[in-house]
Amino acid sequence: MRESDGEVLVLTTVADSEQARALAQSLLDLHLAACVTCIAGGLSFFRWKSATVSQEQELVLLLKTHRAKLAEIERHFQTAHPYEVPELVVLPIAALSDAYGEWMRDELNLSPKGDA
């Protein structure tokens, strides 16, 4: 186990499994995420362009990535994310296993020290 060297968890949501698959595939194809986990059953409550509170079923996507990829992810979301204003919340990872960290860096095409 080691302290994080820039690895982060990015949270976003989409409306359905088709959108989740497409976004996850594009993130993996571009090496912007090492892994994308899709969690079904989310129920979001929010106001969008009105005073009325909406509620929608959503899938939560957890992207395992590195802070060096965040600007690219944000740009990619502008065209590939199905929402007009995509959720893009970044959570720091405090620690992770050596093996998982090494695998992530390999998948993200980062040098061993986490440099892009």
C-alpha atoms as a PDB file:
ATOM      1  CA  MET A   1       0.000   0.000   0.000  1.00  0.00           C
ATOM      2  CA  ARG A   2       1.280   3.450  -0.852  1.00  0.00           C
ATOM      3  CA  GLU A   3       0.090   7.043  -0.698  1.00  0.00           C
ATOM      4  CA  SER A   4      -1.508   8.362  -3.827  1.00  0.00           C
ATOM      5  CA  ASP A   5       0.725  10.085  -6.355  1.00  0.00           C
ATOM      6  CA  GLY A   6      -2.073  11.936  -8.141  1.00  0.00           C
ATOM      7  CA  GLU A   7      -4.558   9.127  -8.637  1.00  0.00           C
ATOM      8  CA  VAL A   8      -8.143  10.357  -8.361  1.00  0.00           C
ATOM      9  CA  LEU A   9     -11.691   9.087  -8.580  1.00  0.00           C
ATOM     10  CA  VAL A  10     -13.990  11.045 -10.904  1.00  0.00           C
ATOM     11  CA  LEU A  11     -17.739  10.877 -10.411  1.00  0.00           C
ATOM     12  CA  THR A  12     -20.292  11.497 -13.153  1.00  0.00           C
ATOM     13  CA  THR A  13     -23.819  10.362 -13.994  1.00  0.00           C
ATOM     14  CA  VAL A  14     -25.701   9.381 -17.150  1.00  0.00           C
ATOM     15  CA  ALA A  15     -29.313   8.482 -17.886  1.00  0.00           C
ATOM     16  CA  ASP A  16     -29.015   4.875 -19.066  1.00  0.00           C
ATOM     17  CA  SER A  17     -26.746   1.894 -19.686  1.00  0.00           C
ATOM     18  CA  GLU A  18     -26.273   2.726 -23.388  1.00  0.00           C
ATOM     19  CA  GLN A  19     -24.898   6.157 -22.476  1.00  0.00           C
ATOM     20  CA  ALA A  20     -22.756   4.583 -19.749  1.00  0.00           C
ATOM     21  CA  ARG A  21     -21.252   2.042 -22.152  1.00  0.00           C
ATOM     22  CA  ALA A  22     -20.507   4.638 -24.819  1.00  0.00           C
ATOM     23  CA  LEU A  23     -18.884   7.092 -22.409  1.00  0.00           C
ATOM     24  CA  ALA A  24     -16.895   4.385 -20.620  1.00  0.00           C
ATOM     25  CA  GLN A  25     -15.641   2.934 -23.908  1.00  0.00           C
ATOM     26  CA  SER A  26     -14.525   6.325 -25.198  1.00  0.00           C
ATOM     27  CA  LEU A  27     -12.685   7.114 -21.934  1.00  0.00           C
ATOM     28  CA  LEU A  28     -10.894   3.761 -22.047  1.00  0.00           C
ATOM     29  CA  ASP A  29     -10.094   4.029 -25.758  1.00  0.00           C
ATOM     30  CA  LEU A  30      -8.436   7.405 -25.161  1.00  0.00           C
ATOM     31  CA  HIS A  31      -6.614   6.193 -22.018  1.00  0.00           C
ATOM     32  CA  LEU A  32      -8.345   8.907 -19.978  1.00  0.00           C
ATOM     33  CA  ALA A  33      -9.489   6.356 -17.393  1.00  0.00           C
ATOM     34  CA  ALA A  34      -7.942   3.073 -16.330  1.00  0.00           C
ATOM     35  CA  CYS A  35     -11.321   1.706 -15.259  1.00  0.00           C
ATOM     36  CA  VAL A  36     -14.913   2.926 -15.297  1.00  0.00           C
ATOM     37  CA  THR A  37     -17.372   1.351 -12.878  1.00  0.00           C
ATOM     38  CA  CYS A  38     -21.079   1.841 -13.617  1.00  0.00           C
ATOM     39  CA  ILE A  39     -23.463   1.651 -10.683  1.00  0.00           C
ATOM     40  CA  ALA A  40     -27.161   1.427 -11.521  1.00  0.00           C
ATOM     41  CA  GLY A  41     -30.018   2.516  -9.293  1.00  0.00           C
ATOM     42  CA  GLY A  42     -29.087   6.115  -8.609  1.00  0.00           C
ATOM     43  CA  LEU A  43     -31.956   8.487  -7.980  1.00  0.00           C
ATOM     44  CA  SER A  44     -30.994  12.149  -8.339  1.00  0.00           C
ATOM     45  CA  PHE A  45     -33.027  15.127  -7.134  1.00  0.00           C
ATOM     46  CA  PHE A  46     -32.175  18.531  -8.611  1.00  0.00           C
ATOM     47  CA  ARG A  47     -33.453  21.774 -10.100  1.00  0.00           C
ATOM     48  CA  TRP A  48     -32.700  22.300 -13.776  1.00  0.00           C
ATOM     49  CA  LYS A  49     -33.791  25.495 -15.542  1.00  0.00           C
ATOM     50  CA  SER A  50     -36.849  25.893 -13.296  1.00  0.00           C
ATOM     51  CA  ALA A  51     -37.905  26.274  -9.693  1.00  0.00           C
ATOM     52  CA  THR A  52     -39.381  22.772  -9.775  1.00  0.00           C
ATOM     53  CA  VAL A  53     -37.418  19.933  -8.241  1.00  0.00           C
ATOM     54  CA  SER A  54     -36.904  17.072 -10.688  1.00  0.00           C
ATOM     55  CA  GLN A  55     -36.037  13.493  -9.942  1.00  0.00           C
ATOM     56  CA  GLU A  56     -34.376  11.129 -12.403  1.00  0.00           C
ATOM     57  CA  GLN A  57     -33.045   7.599 -12.377  1.00  0.00           C
ATOM     58  CA  GLU A  58     -29.341   7.691 -13.246  1.00  0.00           C
ATOM     59  CA  LEU A  59     -26.296   5.489 -13.419  1.00  0.00           C
ATOM     60  CA  VAL A  60     -23.269   6.615 -11.441  1.00  0.00           C
ATOM     61  CA  LEU A  61     -19.926   6.258 -13.204  1.00  0.00           C
ATOM     62  CA  LEU A  62     -16.725   6.060 -11.178  1.00  0.00           C
ATOM     63  CA  LEU A  63     -13.633   6.796 -13.259  1.00  0.00           C
ATOM     64  CA  LYS A  64     -10.290   5.676 -11.874  1.00  0.00           C
ATOM     65  CA  THR A  65      -7.737   8.060 -13.322  1.00  0.00           C
ATOM     66  CA  HIS A  66      -4.920  10.508 -12.580  1.00  0.00           C
ATOM     67  CA  ARG A  67      -5.058  14.249 -12.031  1.00  0.00           C
ATOM     68  CA  ALA A  68      -2.841  14.654 -15.127  1.00  0.00           C
ATOM     69  CA  LYS A  69      -5.836  13.493 -17.219  1.00  0.00           C
ATOM     70  CA  LEU A  70      -8.454  15.852 -15.758  1.00  0.00           C
ATOM     71  CA  ALA A  71      -8.197  18.634 -18.351  1.00  0.00           C
ATOM     72  CA  GLU A  72      -8.486  16.067 -21.152  1.00  0.00           C
ATOM     73  CA  ILE A  73     -11.480  14.447 -19.443  1.00  0.00           C
ATOM     74  CA  GLU A  74     -13.188  17.817 -19.101  1.00  0.00           C
ATOM     75  CA  ARG A  75     -12.629  18.555 -22.812  1.00  0.00           C
ATOM     76  CA  HIS A  76     -13.822  15.057 -23.754  1.00  0.00           C
ATOM     77  CA  PHE A  77     -17.013  15.524 -21.702  1.00  0.00           C
ATOM     78  CA  GLN A  78     -17.850  18.629 -23.784  1.00  0.00           C
ATOM     79  CA  THR A  79     -18.485  16.429 -26.819  1.00  0.00           C
ATOM     80  CA  ALA A  80     -18.888  12.860 -25.545  1.00  0.00           C
ATOM     81  CA  HIS A  81     -20.989  13.275 -22.402  1.00  0.00           C
ATOM     82  CA  PRO A  82     -24.728  13.162 -23.107  1.00  0.00           C
ATOM     83  CA  TYR A  83     -25.641  15.911 -20.613  1.00  0.00           C
ATOM     84  CA  GLU A  84     -25.601  19.627 -21.373  1.00  0.00           C
ATOM     85  CA  VAL A  85     -23.831  20.235 -18.056  1.00  0.00           C
ATOM     86  CA  PRO A  86     -22.105  16.991 -17.059  1.00  0.00           C
ATOM     87  CA  GLU A  87     -21.335  16.249 -13.452  1.00  0.00           C
ATOM     88  CA  LEU A  88     -17.558  16.111 -13.076  1.00  0.00           C
ATOM     89  CA  VAL A  89     -16.604  15.722  -9.418  1.00  0.00           C
ATOM     90  CA  VAL A  90     -13.036  14.774  -8.522  1.00  0.00           C
ATOM     91  CA  LEU A  91     -12.269  12.929  -5.302  1.00  0.00           C
ATOM     92  CA  PRO A  92      -8.683  12.423  -4.140  1.00  0.00           C
ATOM     93  CA  ILE A  93      -7.505   8.890  -3.472  1.00  0.00           C
ATOM     94  CA  ALA A  94      -5.579   8.782  -0.184  1.00  0.00           C
ATOM     95  CA  ALA A  95      -3.834   5.462  -0.783  1.00  0.00           C
ATOM     96  CA  LEU A  96      -3.921   2.451  -3.074  1.00  0.00           C
ATOM     97  CA  SER A  97      -2.093  -0.813  -3.540  1.00  0.00           C
ATOM     98  CA  ASP A  98       1.229  -0.723  -5.353  1.00  0.00           C
ATOM     99  CA  ALA A  99       0.013  -3.212  -7.950  1.00  0.00           C
ATOM    100  CA  TYR A 100      -3.213  -1.305  -8.685  1.00  0.00           C
ATOM    101  CA  GLY A 101      -1.349   2.000  -8.929  1.00  0.00           C
ATOM    102  CA  GLU A 102       1.143   0.495 -11.355  1.00  0.00           C
ATOM    103  CA  TRP A 103      -1.660  -0.991 -13.455  1.00  0.00           C
ATOM    104  CA  MET A 104      -3.449   2.388 -13.527  1.00  0.00           C
ATOM    105  CA  ARG A 105      -0.315   4.212 -14.697  1.00  0.00           C
ATOM    106  CA  ASP A 106       0.184   1.602 -17.429  1.00  0.00           C
ATOM    107  CA  GLU A 107      -3.429   1.940 -18.621  1.00  0.00           C
ATOM    108  CA  LEU A 108      -3.205   5.729 -18.582  1.00  0.00           C
ATOM    109  CA  ASN A 109       0.121   5.755 -20.453  1.00  0.00           C
ATOM    110  CA  LEU A 110       1.833   7.596 -17.607  1.00  0.00           C
ATOM    111  CA  SER A 111       5.447   7.276 -16.577  1.00  0.00           C
ATOM    112  CA  PRO A 112       6.164   5.381 -13.326  1.00  0.00           C
ATOM    113  CA  LYS A 113       6.305   8.652 -11.351  1.00  0.00           C
ATOM    114  CA  GLY A 114       2.872   9.786 -12.558  1.00  0.00           C
ATOM    115  CA  ASP A 115       4.147  12.361 -15.070  1.00  0.00           C
ATOM    116  CA  ALA A 116       2.068  12.701 -18.214  1.00  0.00           C
END
